[in-house]
Amino acid sequence: MLEHGHEPEEIARRIAENNKPSHLRDVIYGAIDGAVTTFAIVAGVVGAELSTKVILALGIANIMADGFSMAASNYSGTKAELDDARRLRAIEERHVKLEPEGERAELREILAQKGLEGETLEGAVNAIARNRTVWIDMMLVEEYGLSPVDPHPIRAAQATFFAFLAAGMVPLMPYLLGLAQPFEWSIALTGLVFFGVGALKSRWSLAPWWRSGFETFVIGGVAASIAYFVGTLFA
């Protein structure tokens, strides 16, 4: 069974819908870091045999401060990518205006390397060059290696922050709810988050869900174990 159909209407709709930035990386990055850093605080404080109030104070402070810091950093990085893309677009627009034949030669070489030749090649060059926006878009992708879809800094930051917030609260929930043996519950719930994020990530990869989940679980578990070990040194 194929993943999608190939009717003309469906093709047009799917291509149009896919012309949007993906925030998968931002969500995965925020969720894993939120769970790791908050549980690291919980494990470190428990290892040092400090009180529940310290766990909650440091944990909530970490979620808000580190979550905002990650979101701000992601915004700045994504904004830098967008600014660079705009800079390169301005360069290409100027080159197309001042040296159109040179840019046509570059376009011809790009298409030739894709296997076009003869009249087909010249026809494709002429067709693309008639639409300056399409022409410049192709040059940005093929000459500079940019994504054909511009990043969205604010949405990237929001995705990171809310994923960090949601996953980061999980290790603290047993303490907020006053459960018996809260650290054991925190371990179990945080491990479930690690595995769940990894399993969800497999939807966009070729790895089976259980392997992707286990991989993320191991990564998070190692980070948590290091934090707990360091905390015991101050007990």
C-alpha atoms as a PDB file:
ATOM      1  CA  MET A   1       0.000   0.000   0.000  1.00  0.00           C
ATOM      2  CA  LEU A   2       1.426   3.375  -1.012  1.00  0.00           C
ATOM      3  CA  GLU A   3       1.780   6.223   1.474  1.00  0.00           C
ATOM      4  CA  HIS A   4      -0.260   8.632  -0.683  1.00  0.00           C
ATOM      5  CA  GLY A   5      -2.215   8.786  -3.910  1.00  0.00           C
ATOM      6  CA  HIS A   6      -1.195  10.303  -7.230  1.00  0.00           C
ATOM      7  CA  GLU A   7      -4.343  11.919  -8.535  1.00  0.00           C
ATOM      8  CA  PRO A   8      -3.660  15.414  -9.974  1.00  0.00           C
ATOM      9  CA  GLU A   9      -5.735  17.178  -7.309  1.00  0.00           C
ATOM     10  CA  GLU A  10      -4.050  15.260  -4.484  1.00  0.00           C
ATOM     11  CA  ILE A  11      -0.594  15.923  -5.905  1.00  0.00           C
ATOM     12  CA  ALA A  12      -1.270  19.668  -6.131  1.00  0.00           C
ATOM     13  CA  ARG A  13      -2.662  19.795  -2.580  1.00  0.00           C
ATOM     14  CA  ARG A  14       0.189  17.769  -1.097  1.00  0.00           C
ATOM     15  CA  ILE A  15       2.899  19.820  -2.793  1.00  0.00           C
ATOM     16  CA  ALA A  16       1.264  23.055  -1.601  1.00  0.00           C
ATOM     17  CA  GLU A  17       0.917  21.779   1.979  1.00  0.00           C
ATOM     18  CA  ASN A  18       4.534  20.613   2.105  1.00  0.00           C
ATOM     19  CA  ASN A  19       5.786  24.093   1.222  1.00  0.00           C
ATOM     20  CA  LYS A  20       5.915  24.986   4.925  1.00  0.00           C
ATOM     21  CA  PRO A  21       8.735  24.874   7.488  1.00  0.00           C
ATOM     22  CA  SER A  22       8.887  21.776   9.688  1.00  0.00           C
ATOM     23  CA  HIS A  23       9.330  22.166  13.436  1.00  0.00           C
ATOM     24  CA  LEU A  24       9.963  18.489  14.133  1.00  0.00           C
ATOM     25  CA  ARG A  25      13.582  19.131  15.111  1.00  0.00           C
ATOM     26  CA  ASP A  26      12.529  21.967  17.432  1.00  0.00           C
ATOM     27  CA  VAL A  27       9.954  19.804  19.233  1.00  0.00           C
ATOM     28  CA  ILE A  28      12.234  16.764  19.612  1.00  0.00           C
ATOM     29  CA  TYR A  29      15.130  18.937  20.744  1.00  0.00           C
ATOM     30  CA  GLY A  30      13.019  20.812  23.296  1.00  0.00           C
ATOM     31  CA  ALA A  31      11.275  17.721  24.676  1.00  0.00           C
ATOM     32  CA  ILE A  32      14.419  15.654  25.179  1.00  0.00           C
ATOM     33  CA  ASP A  33      16.368  18.531  26.688  1.00  0.00           C
ATOM     34  CA  GLY A  34      13.463  19.472  28.963  1.00  0.00           C
ATOM     35  CA  ALA A  35      13.150  15.959  30.343  1.00  0.00           C
ATOM     36  CA  VAL A  36      16.921  15.452  30.664  1.00  0.00           C
ATOM     37  CA  THR A  37      17.767  18.729  32.383  1.00  0.00           C
ATOM     38  CA  THR A  38      14.829  18.667  34.799  1.00  0.00           C
ATOM     39  CA  PHE A  39      15.384  15.046  35.756  1.00  0.00           C
ATOM     40  CA  ALA A  40      19.092  15.798  36.101  1.00  0.00           C
ATOM     41  CA  ILE A  41      18.170  18.382  38.725  1.00  0.00           C
ATOM     42  CA  VAL A  42      15.828  15.951  40.481  1.00  0.00           C
ATOM     43  CA  ALA A  43      18.436  13.182  40.441  1.00  0.00           C
ATOM     44  CA  GLY A  44      21.216  15.487  41.573  1.00  0.00           C
ATOM     45  CA  VAL A  45      19.205  16.902  44.464  1.00  0.00           C
ATOM     46  CA  VAL A  46      18.025  13.440  45.552  1.00  0.00           C
ATOM     47  CA  GLY A  47      21.586  12.173  45.309  1.00  0.00           C
ATOM     48  CA  ALA A  48      22.692  15.011  47.548  1.00  0.00           C
ATOM     49  CA  GLU A  49      19.846  14.131  49.970  1.00  0.00           C
ATOM     50  CA  LEU A  50      18.279  17.592  49.893  1.00  0.00           C
ATOM     51  CA  SER A  51      14.620  18.413  50.505  1.00  0.00           C
ATOM     52  CA  THR A  52      11.616  18.236  48.208  1.00  0.00           C
ATOM     53  CA  LYS A  53      11.305  22.027  48.322  1.00  0.00           C
ATOM     54  CA  VAL A  54      14.765  22.301  46.780  1.00  0.00           C
ATOM     55  CA  ILE A  55      13.752  19.869  44.031  1.00  0.00           C
ATOM     56  CA  LEU A  56      10.631  21.872  43.189  1.00  0.00           C
ATOM     57  CA  ALA A  57      12.344  25.253  43.393  1.00  0.00           C
ATOM     58  CA  LEU A  58      15.278  24.276  41.202  1.00  0.00           C
ATOM     59  CA  GLY A  59      13.127  22.187  38.859  1.00  0.00           C
ATOM     60  CA  ILE A  60      10.553  24.896  38.158  1.00  0.00           C
ATOM     61  CA  ALA A  61      13.280  27.533  37.849  1.00  0.00           C
ATOM     62  CA  ASN A  62      15.044  25.303  35.326  1.00  0.00           C
ATOM     63  CA  ILE A  63      11.904  24.751  33.280  1.00  0.00           C
ATOM     64  CA  MET A  64      11.140  28.451  32.981  1.00  0.00           C
ATOM     65  CA  ALA A  65      14.664  29.852  32.672  1.00  0.00           C
ATOM     66  CA  ASP A  66      16.283  27.114  30.609  1.00  0.00           C
ATOM     67  CA  GLY A  67      13.158  26.693  28.495  1.00  0.00           C
ATOM     68  CA  PHE A  68      13.132  30.392  27.671  1.00  0.00           C
ATOM     69  CA  SER A  69      16.878  30.350  27.060  1.00  0.00           C
ATOM     70  CA  MET A  70      16.565  27.459  24.612  1.00  0.00           C
ATOM     71  CA  ALA A  71      13.665  29.123  22.845  1.00  0.00           C
ATOM     72  CA  ALA A  72      15.565  32.406  22.592  1.00  0.00           C
ATOM     73  CA  SER A  73      18.653  30.631  21.290  1.00  0.00           C
ATOM     74  CA  ASN A  74      16.604  28.732  18.741  1.00  0.00           C
ATOM     75  CA  TYR A  75      14.934  31.979  17.677  1.00  0.00           C
ATOM     76  CA  SER A  76      18.296  33.688  17.243  1.00  0.00           C
ATOM     77  CA  GLY A  77      19.769  30.765  15.296  1.00  0.00           C
ATOM     78  CA  THR A  78      16.738  30.417  13.050  1.00  0.00           C
ATOM     79  CA  LYS A  79      16.608  34.189  12.548  1.00  0.00           C
ATOM     80  CA  ALA A  80      20.270  34.121  11.497  1.00  0.00           C
ATOM     81  CA  GLU A  81      19.443  31.452   8.893  1.00  0.00           C
ATOM     82  CA  LEU A  82      16.557  33.560   7.601  1.00  0.00           C
ATOM     83  CA  ASP A  83      18.703  36.705   7.458  1.00  0.00           C
ATOM     84  CA  ASP A  84      21.395  34.840   5.554  1.00  0.00           C
ATOM     85  CA  ALA A  85      18.827  33.511   3.083  1.00  0.00           C
ATOM     86  CA  ARG A  86      17.545  37.048   2.508  1.00  0.00           C
ATOM     87  CA  ARG A  87      21.105  38.302   2.009  1.00  0.00           C
ATOM     88  CA  LEU A  88      21.810  35.628  -0.595  1.00  0.00           C
ATOM     89  CA  ARG A  89      18.492  36.333  -2.322  1.00  0.00           C
ATOM     90  CA  ALA A  90      19.434  40.009  -2.601  1.00  0.00           C
ATOM     91  CA  ILE A  91      22.764  38.979  -4.154  1.00  0.00           C
ATOM     92  CA  GLU A  92      21.073  36.748  -6.713  1.00  0.00           C
ATOM     93  CA  GLU A  93      18.488  39.391  -7.553  1.00  0.00           C
ATOM     94  CA  ARG A  94      21.284  41.879  -8.215  1.00  0.00           C
ATOM     95  CA  HIS A  95      23.225  39.393 -10.333  1.00  0.00           C
ATOM     96  CA  VAL A  96      20.165  38.484 -12.384  1.00  0.00           C
ATOM     97  CA  LYS A  97      19.532  42.174 -13.016  1.00  0.00           C
ATOM     98  CA  LEU A  98      23.118  43.197 -13.814  1.00  0.00           C
ATOM     99  CA  GLU A  99      24.547  39.998 -15.323  1.00  0.00           C
ATOM    100  CA  PRO A 100      21.608  37.971 -16.677  1.00  0.00           C
ATOM    101  CA  GLU A 101      23.658  35.992 -19.195  1.00  0.00           C
ATOM    102  CA  GLY A 102      26.098  34.889 -16.532  1.00  0.00           C
ATOM    103  CA  GLU A 103      23.226  33.745 -14.336  1.00  0.00           C
ATOM    104  CA  ARG A 104      21.658  31.931 -17.283  1.00  0.00           C
ATOM    105  CA  ALA A 105      24.967  30.151 -17.779  1.00  0.00           C
ATOM    106  CA  GLU A 106      24.889  29.053 -14.126  1.00  0.00           C
ATOM    107  CA  LEU A 107      21.292  27.893 -14.522  1.00  0.00           C
ATOM    108  CA  ARG A 108      22.229  25.982 -17.671  1.00  0.00           C
ATOM    109  CA  GLU A 109      25.065  24.232 -15.847  1.00  0.00           C
ATOM    110  CA  ILE A 110      22.780  23.274 -12.942  1.00  0.00           C
ATOM    111  CA  LEU A 111      20.226  21.739 -15.287  1.00  0.00           C
ATOM    112  CA  ALA A 112      22.926  20.045 -17.378  1.00  0.00           C
ATOM    113  CA  GLN A 113      24.245  18.329 -14.260  1.00  0.00           C
ATOM    114  CA  LYS A 114      20.737  16.998 -13.698  1.00  0.00           C
ATOM    115  CA  GLY A 115      20.871  15.246 -17.083  1.00  0.00           C
ATOM    116  CA  LEU A 116      19.185  17.747 -19.411  1.00  0.00           C
ATOM    117  CA  GLU A 117      20.833  18.418 -22.762  1.00  0.00           C
ATOM    118  CA  GLY A 118      20.261  19.818 -26.240  1.00  0.00           C
ATOM    119  CA  GLU A 119      16.947  21.473 -27.012  1.00  0.00           C
ATOM    120  CA  THR A 120      15.408  20.145 -23.806  1.00  0.00           C
ATOM    121  CA  LEU A 121      18.103  21.899 -21.794  1.00  0.00           C
ATOM    122  CA  GLU A 122      17.711  25.204 -23.634  1.00  0.00           C
ATOM    123  CA  GLY A 123      13.930  25.019 -23.381  1.00  0.00           C
ATOM    124  CA  ALA A 124      14.128  24.450 -19.623  1.00  0.00           C
ATOM    125  CA  VAL A 125      16.582  27.341 -19.187  1.00  0.00           C
ATOM    126  CA  ASN A 126      14.321  29.693 -21.133  1.00  0.00           C
ATOM    127  CA  ALA A 127      11.187  28.578 -19.281  1.00  0.00           C
ATOM    128  CA  ILE A 128      12.722  29.018 -15.831  1.00  0.00           C
ATOM    129  CA  ALA A 129      14.427  32.307 -16.692  1.00  0.00           C
ATOM    130  CA  ARG A 130      11.085  33.807 -17.731  1.00  0.00           C
ATOM    131  CA  ASN A 131       9.954  33.660 -14.091  1.00  0.00           C
ATOM    132  CA  ARG A 132      12.506  35.603 -12.051  1.00  0.00           C
ATOM    133  CA  THR A 133      11.185  34.353  -8.692  1.00  0.00           C
ATOM    134  CA  VAL A 134      11.400  30.704  -9.719  1.00  0.00           C
ATOM    135  CA  TRP A 135      14.819  31.346 -11.251  1.00  0.00           C
ATOM    136  CA  ILE A 136      16.218  32.890  -8.075  1.00  0.00           C
ATOM    137  CA  ASP A 137      14.613  30.224  -5.884  1.00  0.00           C
ATOM    138  CA  MET A 138      16.364  27.524  -7.909  1.00  0.00           C
ATOM    139  CA  MET A 139      19.708  29.310  -7.678  1.00  0.00           C
ATOM    140  CA  LEU A 140      19.397  29.594  -3.902  1.00  0.00           C
ATOM    141  CA  VAL A 141      18.693  25.879  -3.571  1.00  0.00           C
ATOM    142  CA  GLU A 142      21.193  24.597  -6.109  1.00  0.00           C
ATOM    143  CA  GLU A 143      24.023  27.123  -5.787  1.00  0.00           C
ATOM    144  CA  TYR A 144      23.945  27.818  -2.058  1.00  0.00           C
ATOM    145  CA  GLY A 145      22.261  24.687  -0.719  1.00  0.00           C
ATOM    146  CA  LEU A 146      19.459  26.577   1.019  1.00  0.00           C
ATOM    147  CA  SER A 147      16.113  25.037   1.881  1.00  0.00           C
ATOM    148  CA  PRO A 148      13.362  26.022  -0.555  1.00  0.00           C
ATOM    149  CA  VAL A 149      11.199  26.882   2.470  1.00  0.00           C
ATOM    150  CA  ASP A 150      12.124  29.873   4.629  1.00  0.00           C
ATOM    151  CA  PRO A 151      12.417  29.107   8.369  1.00  0.00           C
ATOM    152  CA  HIS A 152      10.025  30.741  10.841  1.00  0.00           C
ATOM    153  CA  PRO A 153      11.989  31.936  13.905  1.00  0.00           C
ATOM    154  CA  ILE A 154       9.055  32.690  16.219  1.00  0.00           C
ATOM    155  CA  ARG A 155       7.270  29.399  15.572  1.00  0.00           C
ATOM    156  CA  ALA A 156      10.538  27.498  15.977  1.00  0.00           C
ATOM    157  CA  ALA A 157      11.073  29.172  19.352  1.00  0.00           C
ATOM    158  CA  GLN A 158       7.495  28.458  20.434  1.00  0.00           C
ATOM    159  CA  ALA A 159       7.784  24.791  19.457  1.00  0.00           C
ATOM    160  CA  THR A 160      10.991  24.428  21.457  1.00  0.00           C
ATOM    161  CA  PHE A 161       9.666  26.217  24.535  1.00  0.00           C
ATOM    162  CA  PHE A 162       6.353  24.379  24.828  1.00  0.00           C
ATOM    163  CA  ALA A 163       7.950  20.995  24.151  1.00  0.00           C
ATOM    164  CA  PHE A 164      10.555  21.771  26.819  1.00  0.00           C
ATOM    165  CA  LEU A 165       7.840  22.877  29.236  1.00  0.00           C
ATOM    166  CA  ALA A 166       5.642  19.812  28.685  1.00  0.00           C
ATOM    167  CA  ALA A 167       8.430  17.250  28.950  1.00  0.00           C
ATOM    168  CA  GLY A 168      10.264  19.123  31.701  1.00  0.00           C
ATOM    169  CA  MET A 169       7.259  19.049  34.027  1.00  0.00           C
ATOM    170  CA  VAL A 170       7.058  15.253  33.964  1.00  0.00           C
ATOM    171  CA  PRO A 171       9.975  14.536  36.373  1.00  0.00           C
ATOM    172  CA  LEU A 172       8.481  17.008  38.852  1.00  0.00           C
ATOM    173  CA  MET A 173       4.911  15.701  38.781  1.00  0.00           C
ATOM    174  CA  PRO A 174       5.342  13.036  41.508  1.00  0.00           C
ATOM    175  CA  TYR A 175       6.673  15.733  43.847  1.00  0.00           C
ATOM    176  CA  LEU A 176       3.961  18.227  42.931  1.00  0.00           C
ATOM    177  CA  LEU A 177       1.290  15.554  43.512  1.00  0.00           C
ATOM    178  CA  GLY A 178       2.848  14.379  46.767  1.00  0.00           C
ATOM    179  CA  LEU A 179       3.096  10.736  45.675  1.00  0.00           C
ATOM    180  CA  ALA A 180       4.757   8.131  47.823  1.00  0.00           C
ATOM    181  CA  GLN A 181       8.279   7.238  46.653  1.00  0.00           C
ATOM    182  CA  PRO A 182       8.336  10.217  44.289  1.00  0.00           C
ATOM    183  CA  PHE A 183      11.861   9.616  42.987  1.00  0.00           C
ATOM    184  CA  GLU A 184      10.955   6.120  41.762  1.00  0.00           C
ATOM    185  CA  TRP A 185       7.889   7.569  40.039  1.00  0.00           C
ATOM    186  CA  SER A 186      10.033  10.323  38.542  1.00  0.00           C
ATOM    187  CA  ILE A 187      12.453   7.762  37.135  1.00  0.00           C
ATOM    188  CA  ALA A 188       9.640   5.726  35.596  1.00  0.00           C
ATOM    189  CA  LEU A 189       7.763   8.697  34.116  1.00  0.00           C
ATOM    190  CA  THR A 190      10.899  10.338  32.749  1.00  0.00           C
ATOM    191  CA  GLY A 191      11.982   7.072  31.176  1.00  0.00           C
ATOM    192  CA  LEU A 192       8.542   6.821  29.605  1.00  0.00           C
ATOM    193  CA  VAL A 193       8.958  10.332  28.174  1.00  0.00           C
ATOM    194  CA  PHE A 194      12.348   9.443  26.712  1.00  0.00           C
ATOM    195  CA  PHE A 195      10.977   6.289  25.140  1.00  0.00           C
ATOM    196  CA  GLY A 196       7.803   8.018  23.939  1.00  0.00           C
ATOM    197  CA  VAL A 197       9.677  10.873  22.264  1.00  0.00           C
ATOM    198  CA  GLY A 198      11.975   8.395  20.546  1.00  0.00           C
ATOM    199  CA  ALA A 199       9.075   6.225  19.435  1.00  0.00           C
ATOM    200  CA  LEU A 200       7.247   9.269  18.062  1.00  0.00           C
ATOM    201  CA  LYS A 201      10.401  10.349  16.242  1.00  0.00           C
ATOM    202  CA  SER A 202      10.425   7.034  14.367  1.00  0.00           C
ATOM    203  CA  ARG A 203       7.396   8.221  12.405  1.00  0.00           C
ATOM    204  CA  TRP A 204       9.792  10.389  10.405  1.00  0.00           C
ATOM    205  CA  SER A 205      12.553   7.795  10.029  1.00  0.00           C
ATOM    206  CA  LEU A 206      13.107   4.277   8.749  1.00  0.00           C
ATOM    207  CA  ALA A 207      13.950   2.939  12.214  1.00  0.00           C
ATOM    208  CA  PRO A 208      11.274   0.838  13.976  1.00  0.00           C
ATOM    209  CA  TRP A 209       9.501   2.611  16.818  1.00  0.00           C
ATOM    210  CA  TRP A 210      10.946   0.387  19.526  1.00  0.00           C
ATOM    211  CA  ARG A 211      14.548   0.924  18.380  1.00  0.00           C
ATOM    212  CA  SER A 212      14.159   4.686  18.144  1.00  0.00           C
ATOM    213  CA  GLY A 213      12.448   4.733  21.544  1.00  0.00           C
ATOM    214  CA  PHE A 214      15.147   2.614  23.151  1.00  0.00           C
ATOM    215  CA  GLU A 215      17.911   4.771  21.658  1.00  0.00           C
ATOM    216  CA  THR A 216      16.426   7.946  23.132  1.00  0.00           C
ATOM    217  CA  PHE A 217      15.779   6.145  26.422  1.00  0.00           C
ATOM    218  CA  VAL A 218      19.445   5.164  26.677  1.00  0.00           C
ATOM    219  CA  ILE A 219      20.652   8.692  25.865  1.00  0.00           C
ATOM    220  CA  GLY A 220      18.410  10.211  28.525  1.00  0.00           C
ATOM    221  CA  GLY A 221      19.243   7.481  31.021  1.00  0.00           C
ATOM    222  CA  VAL A 222      22.974   8.089  30.702  1.00  0.00           C
ATOM    223  CA  ALA A 223      22.517  11.829  31.293  1.00  0.00           C
ATOM    224  CA  ALA A 224      20.309  11.170  34.325  1.00  0.00           C
ATOM    225  CA  SER A 225      22.757   8.633  35.766  1.00  0.00           C
ATOM    226  CA  ILE A 226      25.617  11.116  35.496  1.00  0.00           C
ATOM    227  CA  ALA A 227      23.576  13.749  37.329  1.00  0.00           C
ATOM    228  CA  TYR A 228      22.624  11.321  40.107  1.00  0.00           C
ATOM    229  CA  PHE A 229      26.228  10.190  40.512  1.00  0.00           C
ATOM    230  CA  VAL A 230      27.480  13.776  40.775  1.00  0.00           C
ATOM    231  CA  GLY A 231      24.747  14.519  43.327  1.00  0.00           C
ATOM    232  CA  THR A 232      25.867  11.614  45.546  1.00  0.00           C
ATOM    233  CA  LEU A 233      29.311  13.171  45.781  1.00  0.00           C
ATOM    234  CA  PHE A 234      27.787  16.004  47.828  1.00  0.00           C
ATOM    235  CA  ALA A 235      25.644  13.813  50.086  1.00  0.00           C
END
